[in-house]
Protein backbone atom coordinates (compact mmCIF):
# COMPACT_ATOMS: atom_id res chain seq x y z
CA MET A 1 105.55 72.62 111.10
CA THR A 2 107.87 71.66 108.23
CA GLU A 3 110.66 74.13 107.55
CA TYR A 4 111.15 75.38 104.01
CA HIS A 5 113.91 73.54 102.22
CA LYS A 6 117.26 75.10 101.38
CA ILE A 7 117.56 76.59 97.89
CA ASP A 8 121.04 76.01 96.47
CA SER A 9 122.78 78.73 94.50
CA VAL A 10 123.09 78.01 90.81
CA TYR A 11 126.91 77.69 90.74
CA MET A 12 129.61 76.46 93.09
CA ARG A 13 131.36 79.21 95.06
CA ASP A 14 134.98 80.26 94.70
CA PRO A 15 137.13 79.49 97.77
CA ALA A 16 139.67 82.06 96.52
CA THR A 17 137.17 84.84 97.34
CA ASN A 18 136.06 83.25 100.60
CA HIS A 19 133.02 81.91 98.71
CA ARG A 20 131.66 85.39 98.00
CA THR A 21 131.64 84.87 94.22
CA PHE A 22 130.76 82.08 91.83
CA LEU A 23 132.84 79.57 89.92
CA THR A 24 130.89 80.45 86.79
CA GLY A 25 129.80 77.43 84.80
CA GLU A 26 130.36 74.96 87.63
CA TRP A 27 126.83 73.95 88.56
CA SER A 28 126.21 73.39 92.27
CA ARG A 29 124.00 70.39 91.50
CA PRO A 30 124.24 68.04 88.49
CA GLU A 31 120.52 68.45 87.79
CA PHE A 32 121.06 72.14 87.04
CA GLY A 33 123.58 71.39 84.32
CA TYR A 34 121.52 68.57 82.85
CA LEU A 35 118.39 70.74 82.64
CA ALA A 36 120.09 74.06 81.91
CA ASP A 37 118.95 74.28 78.28
CA LEU A 38 115.28 73.63 79.05
CA ASP A 39 112.61 76.14 80.04
CA TRP A 40 112.92 77.51 83.58
CA VAL A 41 110.45 79.83 85.30
CA TRP A 42 112.00 82.83 87.04
CA THR A 43 110.36 84.55 90.01
CA GLU A 44 111.54 87.61 91.90
CA LYS A 45 113.51 86.93 95.08
CA ILE A 46 112.31 89.15 97.92
CA ASP A 47 114.56 90.74 100.53
CA GLY A 48 112.58 89.94 103.67
CA THR A 49 112.33 87.40 106.45
CA ASN A 50 111.12 83.86 105.89
CA ILE A 51 107.67 83.19 107.34
CA ARG A 52 105.57 80.03 107.64
CA ILE A 53 101.83 80.10 108.27
CA HIS A 54 100.21 76.74 109.01
CA LEU A 55 96.45 76.79 108.42
CA PHE A 56 94.78 73.85 110.15
CA SER A 57 91.53 72.33 108.90
CA ASP A 58 89.77 73.18 112.20
CA GLY A 59 90.45 76.91 111.87
CA ASP A 60 93.46 77.03 114.16
CA PHE A 61 96.76 78.37 112.85
CA SER A 62 100.44 78.65 113.70
CA ILE A 63 102.97 81.28 112.62
CA ARG A 64 106.71 80.63 112.62
CA GLY A 65 109.90 82.04 111.16
CA ARG A 66 112.37 80.16 108.99
CA THR A 67 112.99 77.73 111.87
CA ASP A 68 110.97 76.96 114.97
CA LYS A 69 113.53 78.86 117.04
CA ALA A 70 113.55 81.95 114.83
CA ASP A 71 111.71 84.98 116.19
CA VAL A 72 109.02 86.58 114.05
CA PRO A 73 109.49 90.38 114.09
CA ALA A 74 106.86 91.93 116.37
CA HIS A 75 105.74 94.44 113.73
CA LEU A 76 104.79 91.56 111.41
CA LEU A 77 102.57 89.69 113.87
CA ALA A 78 99.40 91.74 113.38
CA PRO A 79 99.26 91.44 109.56
CA LEU A 80 100.21 87.75 109.74
CA ASP A 81 97.50 87.02 112.31
CA GLN A 82 94.98 88.77 110.08
CA ILE A 83 95.95 86.69 107.06
CA ALA A 84 95.61 83.46 109.05
CA CYS A 85 92.19 84.46 110.40
CA ASP A 86 91.05 85.48 106.92
CA GLY A 87 91.85 81.98 105.67
CA TRP A 88 89.08 80.45 107.78
CA ASP A 89 86.68 83.35 107.26
CA ARG A 90 87.06 83.05 103.49
CA GLY A 91 86.34 79.35 103.36
CA ILE A 92 89.75 77.70 103.40
CA ARG A 93 89.29 74.34 105.13
CA ASP A 94 92.39 72.48 103.96
CA ASP A 95 95.43 71.78 106.11
CA LEU A 96 98.11 73.86 104.36
CA ILE A 97 101.50 75.42 105.04
CA LEU A 98 102.05 78.83 103.46
CA TYR A 99 105.64 79.84 102.79
CA GLY A 100 106.45 83.45 102.11
CA GLU A 101 108.42 86.53 103.06
CA GLY A 102 107.51 89.10 105.65
CA TYR A 103 108.68 92.42 104.23
CA GLY A 104 108.49 96.16 104.68
CA PRO A 105 110.24 98.79 106.84
CA LYS A 106 112.93 97.46 109.20
CA VAL A 107 112.70 93.94 107.75
CA GLN A 108 116.15 93.11 106.34
CA GLY A 109 116.85 95.65 103.60
CA GLY A 110 113.30 95.70 102.30
CA GLY A 111 112.01 99.06 103.48
CA TRP A 112 111.84 100.30 99.90
CA TYR A 113 109.18 97.74 98.90
CA ARG A 114 106.29 99.40 100.76
CA ASP A 115 105.47 101.82 103.58
CA ASP A 116 103.83 99.24 105.82
CA HIS A 117 104.44 95.58 106.68
CA GLY A 118 103.10 92.66 104.72
CA PHE A 119 103.49 89.08 103.58
CA ILE A 120 104.16 87.86 100.06
CA LEU A 121 103.53 84.21 99.21
CA PHE A 122 105.98 82.07 97.24
CA ASP A 123 105.03 78.43 97.95
CA VAL A 124 102.29 76.33 99.53
CA ALA A 125 102.58 72.71 100.66
CA THR A 126 100.51 70.06 102.35
CA PRO A 127 101.78 68.69 105.70
CA GLY A 128 102.90 65.61 103.75
CA GLY A 129 105.31 67.73 101.73
CA MET A 130 103.50 67.99 98.38
CA PHE A 131 103.88 71.46 96.89
CA LEU A 132 100.95 73.04 95.09
CA GLU A 133 101.21 74.06 91.45
CA ARG A 134 101.63 77.73 90.59
CA HIS A 135 98.01 78.28 89.57
CA ASN A 136 96.84 76.83 92.89
CA VAL A 137 99.22 79.12 94.77
CA GLU A 138 97.85 82.10 92.85
CA ASP A 139 94.26 81.08 93.60
CA LEU A 140 95.01 80.76 97.30
CA ALA A 141 96.77 84.13 97.35
CA ALA A 142 93.74 85.73 95.69
CA THR A 143 91.43 84.19 98.30
CA LEU A 144 93.61 85.50 101.13
CA GLY A 145 94.12 88.87 99.51
CA VAL A 146 97.91 88.63 99.61
CA PRO A 147 100.43 89.08 96.79
CA VAL A 148 102.38 86.20 95.31
CA VAL A 149 105.96 86.54 94.06
CA PRO A 150 105.73 87.58 90.41
CA ILE A 151 106.96 85.54 87.48
CA VAL A 152 109.38 87.92 85.77
CA GLY A 153 110.60 85.71 82.96
CA HIS A 154 111.38 82.25 81.70
CA GLY A 155 114.03 80.61 79.59
CA LEU A 156 117.47 79.05 79.89
CA LEU A 157 119.10 78.88 83.29
CA VAL A 158 122.16 80.80 82.14
CA ASP A 159 119.93 83.60 80.80
CA ALA A 160 118.48 84.08 84.27
CA VAL A 161 122.01 84.35 85.66
CA HIS A 162 122.97 86.93 83.03
CA ARG A 163 119.86 88.98 83.76
CA VAL A 164 120.95 89.42 87.36
CA GLU A 165 124.67 89.73 86.60
CA ASP A 166 124.05 92.48 84.04
CA GLY A 167 121.86 94.49 86.43
CA MET A 168 118.80 94.07 84.21
CA ASN A 169 116.53 92.67 86.90
CA PRO A 170 114.33 95.52 88.24
CA SER A 171 112.07 94.72 91.18
CA VAL A 172 108.46 94.24 90.09
CA VAL A 173 107.29 94.13 93.70
CA ALA A 174 108.87 97.53 94.43
CA GLY A 175 107.02 99.11 91.51
CA THR A 176 108.49 102.27 90.03
CA THR A 177 111.33 102.76 92.52
CA GLY A 178 113.89 101.68 89.94
CA ARG A 179 115.55 99.36 92.45
CA GLN A 180 117.09 96.11 91.30
CA ALA A 181 115.52 92.97 92.76
CA GLU A 182 117.44 90.98 95.35
CA GLY A 183 117.69 88.21 92.77
CA LEU A 184 115.80 85.42 91.05
CA VAL A 185 114.52 82.01 92.05
CA MET A 186 114.44 79.56 89.14
CA ARG A 187 112.63 76.27 88.81
CA PRO A 188 111.90 74.02 85.82
CA ALA A 189 108.60 74.66 84.05
CA VAL A 190 107.61 71.18 85.26
CA GLU A 191 108.16 70.46 88.97
CA LEU A 192 110.97 67.92 89.40
CA LEU A 193 112.73 66.08 92.23
CA ASP A 194 116.20 64.54 92.33
CA ARG A 195 116.92 60.95 93.35
CA ARG A 196 116.96 61.98 97.02
CA GLY A 197 113.53 63.55 96.72
CA ARG A 198 114.83 67.13 96.83
CA ARG A 199 113.15 69.76 94.68
CA VAL A 200 115.02 70.99 91.64
CA ILE A 201 115.06 74.73 92.34
CA THR A 202 117.87 77.28 92.46
CA LYS A 203 118.62 80.95 93.00
CA VAL A 204 120.93 83.77 92.03
CA LYS A 205 121.37 87.05 93.91
CA ALA A 206 122.63 90.44 92.78
CA LYS A 207 125.23 90.36 95.56
CA ASP A 208 126.73 87.24 93.94
CA PHE A 209 128.26 89.67 91.42
CA PRO A 210 130.06 92.36 93.44
CA GLN A 211 130.91 95.44 91.42
């Protein structure tokens, strides 16, 4: 099963702080700088563990962590198995790879999201590596009865950075807890690839701006 690609941080990191902080304004990829003044879609970054669910067209399925060697937490297996079984029961017959986060108590720092364990979807791809458009991801999530990472804003790339840096990025997924989100994932309003075929997508985390 194809692993989810790396998402580069928006800026280069400062060696003077052992790479804990950014070199603000120094884009980590040239595409980010070139496209910075266009419209980017911002989704909430979830503090969980990366999960892949491969739904096969014959009804079989496979569940993996971020890599094939990564262990899936035992307390996530039951809800993940149920989601995979529901895919076939609810008429999904396509060969698809679901990428998302397992989250809830004792999963990273995400115990404040919910009282139980669950899976939140953020991307779906075919085995050939073509990613589905947002509306298709939302439709699939609705069919499976799982949440999808919320779109929390859109605009310039630097505005997304400022939103997180200024502590004005409350978690939508956590509801009324008042907690700040782990960060944002930003992608152009139109899906783009660079000359190496890598997706143009980036991220910024609250911990990139230590107080």
